[in-house]
PDB file of all heavy atoms in Angstrom:
ATOM      1  N   GLY A   1      83.406 105.663  87.031  1.00  0.00           N
ATOM      2  CA  GLY A   1      84.910 105.786  87.008  1.00  0.00           C
ATOM      3  C   GLY A   1      85.426 106.236  88.295  1.00  0.00           C
ATOM      4  O   GLY A   1      86.487 105.841  88.704  1.00  0.00           O
ATOM      5  N   PHE A   2      84.737 107.232  88.897  1.00  0.00           N
ATOM      6  CA  PHE A   2      85.271 107.808  90.187  1.00  0.00           C
ATOM      7  C   PHE A   2      85.012 106.926  91.434  1.00  0.00           C
ATOM      8  O   PHE A   2      85.463 107.288  92.457  1.00  0.00           O
ATOM      9  CB  PHE A   2      84.672 109.156  90.411  1.00  0.00           C
ATOM     10  CG  PHE A   2      85.251 110.330  89.563  1.00  0.00           C
ATOM     11  CD1 PHE A   2      84.465 111.067  88.744  1.00  0.00           C
ATOM     12  CD2 PHE A   2      86.582 110.561  89.534  1.00  0.00           C
ATOM     13  CE1 PHE A   2      84.952 112.049  87.919  1.00  0.00           C
ATOM     14  CE2 PHE A   2      87.107 111.523  88.773  1.00  0.00           C
ATOM     15  CZ  PHE A   2      86.276 112.341  87.945  1.00  0.00           C
ATOM     16  N   SER A   3      84.277 105.926  91.239  1.00  0.00           N
ATOM     17  CA  SER A   3      83.930 105.012  92.306  1.00  0.00           C
ATOM     18  C   SER A   3      84.759 103.843  92.540  1.00  0.00           C
ATOM     19  O   SER A   3      85.053 103.400  93.665  1.00  0.00           O
ATOM     20  CB  SER A   3      82.457 104.604  92.250  1.00  0.00           C
ATOM     21  OG  SER A   3      81.553 105.718  92.254  1.00  0.00           O
ATOM     22  N   PHE A   4      85.236 103.138  91.462  1.00  0.00           N
ATOM     23  CA  PHE A   4      85.929 101.882  91.559  1.00  0.00           C
ATOM     24  C   PHE A   4      87.172 101.971  92.387  1.00  0.00           C
ATOM     25  O   PHE A   4      87.438 101.179  93.269  1.00  0.00           O
ATOM     26  CB  PHE A   4      86.299 101.379  90.171  1.00  0.00           C
ATOM     27  CG  PHE A   4      85.110 100.600  89.483  1.00  0.00           C
ATOM     28  CD1 PHE A   4      84.799 100.906  88.179  1.00  0.00           C
ATOM     29  CD2 PHE A   4      84.347  99.731  90.149  1.00  0.00           C
ATOM     30  CE1 PHE A   4      83.768 100.268  87.497  1.00  0.00           C
ATOM     31  CE2 PHE A   4      83.331  99.068  89.507  1.00  0.00           C
ATOM     32  CZ  PHE A   4      82.974  99.295  88.223  1.00  0.00           C
ATOM     33  N   VAL A   5      88.100 102.938  92.016  1.00  0.00           N
ATOM     34  CA  VAL A   5      89.374 102.978  92.650  1.00  0.00           C
ATOM     35  C   VAL A   5      89.303 103.297  94.140  1.00  0.00           C
ATOM     36  O   VAL A   5      89.856 102.628  94.928  1.00  0.00           O
ATOM     37  CB  VAL A   5      90.274 104.133  91.947  1.00  0.00           C
ATOM     38  CG1 VAL A   5      91.524 104.314  92.734  1.00  0.00           C
ATOM     39  CG2 VAL A   5      90.566 103.575  90.513  1.00  0.00           C
ATOM     40  N   PRO A   6      88.589 104.386  94.573  1.00  0.00           N
ATOM     41  CA  PRO A   6      88.470 104.682  96.022  1.00  0.00           C
ATOM     42  C   PRO A   6      87.768 103.561  96.775  1.00  0.00           C
ATOM     43  O   PRO A   6      88.110 103.339  97.951  1.00  0.00           O
ATOM     44  CB  PRO A   6      87.702 105.957  96.071  1.00  0.00           C
ATOM     45  CG  PRO A   6      86.965 106.124  94.783  1.00  0.00           C
ATOM     46  CD  PRO A   6      87.830 105.465  93.803  1.00  0.00           C
ATOM     47  N   ALA A   7      86.841 102.879  96.153  1.00  0.00           N
ATOM     48  CA  ALA A   7      86.187 101.747  96.878  1.00  0.00           C
ATOM     49  C   ALA A   7      87.204 100.638  97.238  1.00  0.00           C
ATOM     50  O   ALA A   7      87.223 100.112  98.275  1.00  0.00           O
ATOM     51  CB  ALA A   7      85.096 101.191  96.009  1.00  0.00           C
ATOM     52  N   THR A   8      88.127 100.357  96.243  1.00  0.00           N
ATOM     53  CA  THR A   8      89.099  99.270  96.454  1.00  0.00           C
ATOM     54  C   THR A   8      90.057  99.758  97.506  1.00  0.00           C
ATOM     55  O   THR A   8      90.453  98.985  98.387  1.00  0.00           O
ATOM     56  CB  THR A   8      89.784  98.917  95.136  1.00  0.00           C
ATOM     57  OG1 THR A   8      88.789  98.577  94.216  1.00  0.00           O
ATOM     58  CG2 THR A   8      90.699  97.693  95.309  1.00  0.00           C
ATOM     59  N   ILE A   9      90.520 101.004  97.370  1.00  0.00           N
ATOM     60  CA  ILE A   9      91.498 101.578  98.376  1.00  0.00           C
ATOM     61  C   ILE A   9      90.904 101.554  99.740  1.00  0.00           C
ATOM     62  O   ILE A   9      91.510 101.187 100.712  1.00  0.00           O
ATOM     63  CB  ILE A   9      91.941 102.932  97.971  1.00  0.00           C
ATOM     64  CG1 ILE A   9      92.765 102.893  96.738  1.00  0.00           C
ATOM     65  CG2 ILE A   9      92.679 103.599  99.082  1.00  0.00           C
ATOM     66  CD1 ILE A   9      93.171 104.200  96.128  1.00  0.00           C
ATOM     67  N   ALA A  10      89.640 101.937  99.929  1.00  0.00           N
ATOM     68  CA  ALA A  10      88.962 101.982 101.207  1.00  0.00           C
ATOM     69  C   ALA A  10      88.795 100.553 101.748  1.00  0.00           C
ATOM     70  O   ALA A  10      88.938 100.367 102.933  1.00  0.00           O
ATOM     71  CB  ALA A  10      87.618 102.665 101.088  1.00  0.00           C
ATOM     72  N   ALA A  11      88.582  99.652 100.888  1.00  0.00           N
ATOM     73  CA  ALA A  11      88.416  98.249 101.330  1.00  0.00           C
ATOM     74  C   ALA A  11      89.736  97.655 101.959  1.00  0.00           C
ATOM     75  O   ALA A  11      89.577  96.793 102.832  1.00  0.00           O
ATOM     76  CB  ALA A  11      87.949  97.368 100.179  1.00  0.00           C
ATOM     77  N   VAL A  12      90.891  98.068 101.461  1.00  0.00           N
ATOM     78  CA  VAL A  12      92.095  97.478 101.988  1.00  0.00           C
ATOM     79  C   VAL A  12      92.661  98.335 103.133  1.00  0.00           C
ATOM     80  O   VAL A  12      93.683  98.008 103.690  1.00  0.00           O
ATOM     81  CB  VAL A  12      93.162  97.280 100.902  1.00  0.00           C
ATOM     82  CG1 VAL A  12      92.689  96.346  99.789  1.00  0.00           C
ATOM     83  CG2 VAL A  12      93.535  98.651 100.307  1.00  0.00           C
ATOM     84  N   THR A  13      92.008  99.446 103.472  1.00  0.00           N
ATOM     85  CA  THR A  13      92.486 100.272 104.549  1.00  0.00           C
ATOM     86  C   THR A  13      92.364  99.474 105.862  1.00  0.00           C
ATOM     87  O   THR A  13      91.304  98.993 106.302  1.00  0.00           O
ATOM     88  CB  THR A  13      91.620 101.538 104.679  1.00  0.00           C
ATOM     89  OG1 THR A  13      91.721 102.259 103.496  1.00  0.00           O
ATOM     90  CG2 THR A  13      92.061 102.418 105.862  1.00  0.00           C
ATOM     91  N   GLY A  14      93.459  99.409 106.583  1.00  0.00           N
ATOM     92  CA  GLY A  14      93.442  98.723 107.895  1.00  0.00           C
ATOM     93  C   GLY A  14      93.584  97.214 107.859  1.00  0.00           C
ATOM     94  O   GLY A  14      93.535  96.592 108.823  1.00  0.00           O
ATOM     95  N   VAL A  15      93.510  96.660 106.680  1.00  0.00           N
ATOM     96  CA  VAL A  15      93.659  95.229 106.514  1.00  0.00           C
ATOM     97  C   VAL A  15      95.107  94.801 106.447  1.00  0.00           C
ATOM     98  O   VAL A  15      95.938  95.494 105.808  1.00  0.00           O
ATOM     99  CB  VAL A  15      92.906  94.781 105.132  1.00  0.00           C
ATOM    100  CG1 VAL A  15      93.097  93.271 104.934  1.00  0.00           C
ATOM    101  CG2 VAL A  15      91.410  95.118 105.262  1.00  0.00           C
ATOM    102  N   PRO A  16      95.493  93.750 107.154  1.00  0.00           N
ATOM    103  CA  PRO A  16      96.899  93.317 107.128  1.00  0.00           C
ATOM    104  C   PRO A  16      97.339  93.110 105.629  1.00  0.00           C
ATOM    105  O   PRO A  16      96.565  92.604 104.845  1.00  0.00           O
ATOM    106  CB  PRO A  16      96.889  91.911 107.870  1.00  0.00           C
ATOM    107  CG  PRO A  16      95.724  92.078 108.771  1.00  0.00           C
ATOM    108  CD  PRO A  16      94.674  92.903 108.031  1.00  0.00           C
ATOM    109  N   PRO A  17      98.587  93.399 105.401  1.00  0.00           N
ATOM    110  CA  PRO A  17      99.124  93.266 103.952  1.00  0.00           C
ATOM    111  C   PRO A  17      98.888  91.911 103.327  1.00  0.00           C
ATOM    112  O   PRO A  17      98.562  91.822 102.177  1.00  0.00           O
ATOM    113  CB  PRO A  17     100.640  93.561 104.183  1.00  0.00           C
ATOM    114  CG  PRO A  17     100.697  94.433 105.362  1.00  0.00           C
ATOM    115  CD  PRO A  17      99.653  93.984 106.313  1.00  0.00           C
ATOM    116  N   HIS A  18      98.966  90.859 104.146  1.00  0.00           N
ATOM    117  CA  HIS A  18      98.842  89.547 103.609  1.00  0.00           C
ATOM    118  C   HIS A  18      97.343  89.214 103.230  1.00  0.00           C
ATOM    119  O   HIS A  18      97.100  88.204 102.560  1.00  0.00           O
ATOM    120  CB  HIS A  18      99.385  88.410 104.517  1.00  0.00           C
ATOM    121  CG  HIS A  18      98.616  88.318 105.753  1.00  0.00           C
ATOM    122  ND1 HIS A  18      98.762  89.131 106.854  1.00  0.00           N
ATOM    123  CD2 HIS A  18      97.610  87.446 106.152  1.00  0.00           C
ATOM    124  CE1 HIS A  18      97.985  88.788 107.854  1.00  0.00           C
ATOM    125  NE2 HIS A  18      97.245  87.732 107.485  1.00  0.00           N
ATOM    126  N   GLU A  19      96.489  90.101 103.661  1.00  0.00           N
ATOM    127  CA  GLU A  19      95.073  89.904 103.312  1.00  0.00           C
ATOM    128  C   GLU A  19      94.512  90.933 102.325  1.00  0.00           C
ATOM    129  O   GLU A  19      93.288  91.005 102.103  1.00  0.00           O
ATOM    130  CB  GLU A  19      94.170  89.822 104.517  1.00  0.00           C
ATOM    131  CG  GLU A  19      94.416  88.528 105.408  1.00  0.00           C
ATOM    132  CD  GLU A  19      93.443  88.425 106.549  1.00  0.00           C
ATOM    133  OE1 GLU A  19      92.905  89.425 107.004  1.00  0.00           O
ATOM    134  OE2 GLU A  19      93.212  87.275 106.984  1.00  0.00           O
ATOM    135  N   ALA A  20      95.411  91.703 101.815  1.00  0.00           N
ATOM    136  CA  ALA A  20      95.013  92.845 100.975  1.00  0.00           C
ATOM    137  C   ALA A  20      94.317  92.245  99.620  1.00  0.00           C
ATOM    138  O   ALA A  20      93.356  92.737  99.138  1.00  0.00           O
ATOM    139  CB  ALA A  20      96.176  93.709 100.497  1.00  0.00           C
ATOM    140  N   GLY A  21      94.913  91.161  99.157  1.00  0.00           N
ATOM    141  CA  GLY A  21      94.318  90.516  97.889  1.00  0.00           C
ATOM    142  C   GLY A  21      92.909  89.952  98.185  1.00  0.00           C
ATOM    143  O   GLY A  21      92.023  90.090  97.396  1.00  0.00           O
ATOM    144  N   LEU A  22      92.746  89.411  99.396  1.00  0.00           N
ATOM    145  CA  LEU A  22      91.422  88.893  99.757  1.00  0.00           C
ATOM    146  C   LEU A  22      90.408  90.064  99.842  1.00  0.00           C
ATOM    147  O   LEU A  22      89.314  89.945  99.334  1.00  0.00           O
ATOM    148  CB  LEU A  22      91.511  88.182 101.170  1.00  0.00           C
ATOM    149  CG  LEU A  22      90.249  87.836 101.826  1.00  0.00           C
ATOM    150  CD1 LEU A  22      89.423  86.862 101.019  1.00  0.00           C
ATOM    151  CD2 LEU A  22      90.444  87.315 103.236  1.00  0.00           C
ATOM    152  N   ALA A  23      90.818  91.140 100.470  1.00  0.00           N
ATOM    153  CA  ALA A  23      89.955  92.383 100.584  1.00  0.00           C
ATOM    154  C   ALA A  23      89.560  92.938  99.216  1.00  0.00           C
ATOM    155  O   ALA A  23      88.472  93.258  98.980  1.00  0.00           O
ATOM    156  CB  ALA A  23      90.566  93.394 101.490  1.00  0.00           C
ATOM    157  N   SER A  24      90.567  92.918  98.367  1.00  0.00           N
ATOM    158  CA  SER A  24      90.299  93.500  96.990  1.00  0.00           C
ATOM    159  C   SER A  24      89.409  92.535  96.229  1.00  0.00           C
ATOM    160  O   SER A  24      88.493  93.064  95.487  1.00  0.00           O
ATOM    161  CB  SER A  24      91.628  93.703  96.269  1.00  0.00           C
ATOM    162  OG  SER A  24      92.477  94.623  96.868  1.00  0.00           O
ATOM    163  N   GLY A  25      89.646  91.243  96.326  1.00  0.00           N
ATOM    164  CA  GLY A  25      88.753  90.293  95.650  1.00  0.00           C
ATOM    165  C   GLY A  25      87.304  90.357  96.161  1.00  0.00           C
ATOM    166  O   GLY A  25      86.372  90.196  95.386  1.00  0.00           O
ATOM    167  N   LEU A  26      87.223  90.655  97.464  1.00  0.00           N
ATOM    168  CA  LEU A  26      85.877  90.671  98.034  1.00  0.00           C
ATOM    169  C   LEU A  26      85.095  91.947  97.531  1.00  0.00           C
ATOM    170  O   LEU A  26      83.853  91.836  97.286  1.00  0.00           O
ATOM    171  CB  LEU A  26      85.991  90.863  99.613  1.00  0.00           C
ATOM    172  CG  LEU A  26      84.738  90.896 100.426  1.00  0.00           C
ATOM    173  CD1 LEU A  26      83.924  89.593 100.135  1.00  0.00           C
ATOM    174  CD2 LEU A  26      85.009  90.987 101.874  1.00  0.00           C
ATOM    175  N   VAL A  27      85.816  93.043  97.182  1.00  0.00           N
ATOM    176  CA  VAL A  27      85.108  94.157  96.613  1.00  0.00           C
ATOM    177  C   VAL A  27      84.526  93.762  95.204  1.00  0.00           C
ATOM    178  O   VAL A  27      83.418  94.163  94.902  1.00  0.00           O
ATOM    179  CB  VAL A  27      86.143  95.356  96.439  1.00  0.00           C
ATOM    180  CG1 VAL A  27      85.552  96.451  95.583  1.00  0.00           C
ATOM    181  CG2 VAL A  27      86.463  95.929  97.832  1.00  0.00           C
ATOM    182  N   ASN A  28      85.362  93.095  94.449  1.00  0.00           N
ATOM    183  CA  ASN A  28      84.820  92.698  93.117  1.00  0.00           C
ATOM    184  C   ASN A  28      83.624  91.782  93.253  1.00  0.00           C
ATOM    185  O   ASN A  28      82.705  91.789  92.440  1.00  0.00           O
ATOM    186  CB  ASN A  28      85.989  92.047  92.318  1.00  0.00           C
ATOM    187  CG  ASN A  28      86.958  93.073  91.775  1.00  0.00           C
ATOM    188  OD1 ASN A  28      86.635  94.185  91.443  1.00  0.00           O
ATOM    189  ND2 ASN A  28      88.212  92.717  91.833  1.00  0.00           N
ATOM    190  N   THR A  29      83.724  90.849  94.208  1.00  0.00           N
ATOM    191  CA  THR A  29      82.608  89.957  94.492  1.00  0.00           C
ATOM    192  C   THR A  29      81.346  90.710  94.886  1.00  0.00           C
ATOM    193  O   THR A  29      80.250  90.388  94.401  1.00  0.00           O
ATOM    194  CB  THR A  29      82.980  88.922  95.614  1.00  0.00           C
ATOM    195  OG1 THR A  29      84.116  88.174  95.221  1.00  0.00           O
ATOM    196  CG2 THR A  29      81.850  87.928  95.833  1.00  0.00           C
ATOM    197  N   SER A  30      81.538  91.697  95.767  1.00  0.00           N
ATOM    198  CA  SER A  30      80.407  92.454  96.227  1.00  0.00           C
ATOM    199  C   SER A  30      79.722  93.264  95.071  1.00  0.00           C
ATOM    200  O   SER A  30      78.495  93.379  94.972  1.00  0.00           O
ATOM    201  CB  SER A  30      80.806  93.464  97.303  1.00  0.00           C
ATOM    202  OG  SER A  30      81.258  92.813  98.441  1.00  0.00           O
TER     203      SER A  30
END
């Protein structure tokens, strides 16, 4: 429970807004 949310937030850090969905989807794929 404590890992899912910060992992997704960390994954979109520094990513352009138009690619945030791609970065979040990549986390679920990984």
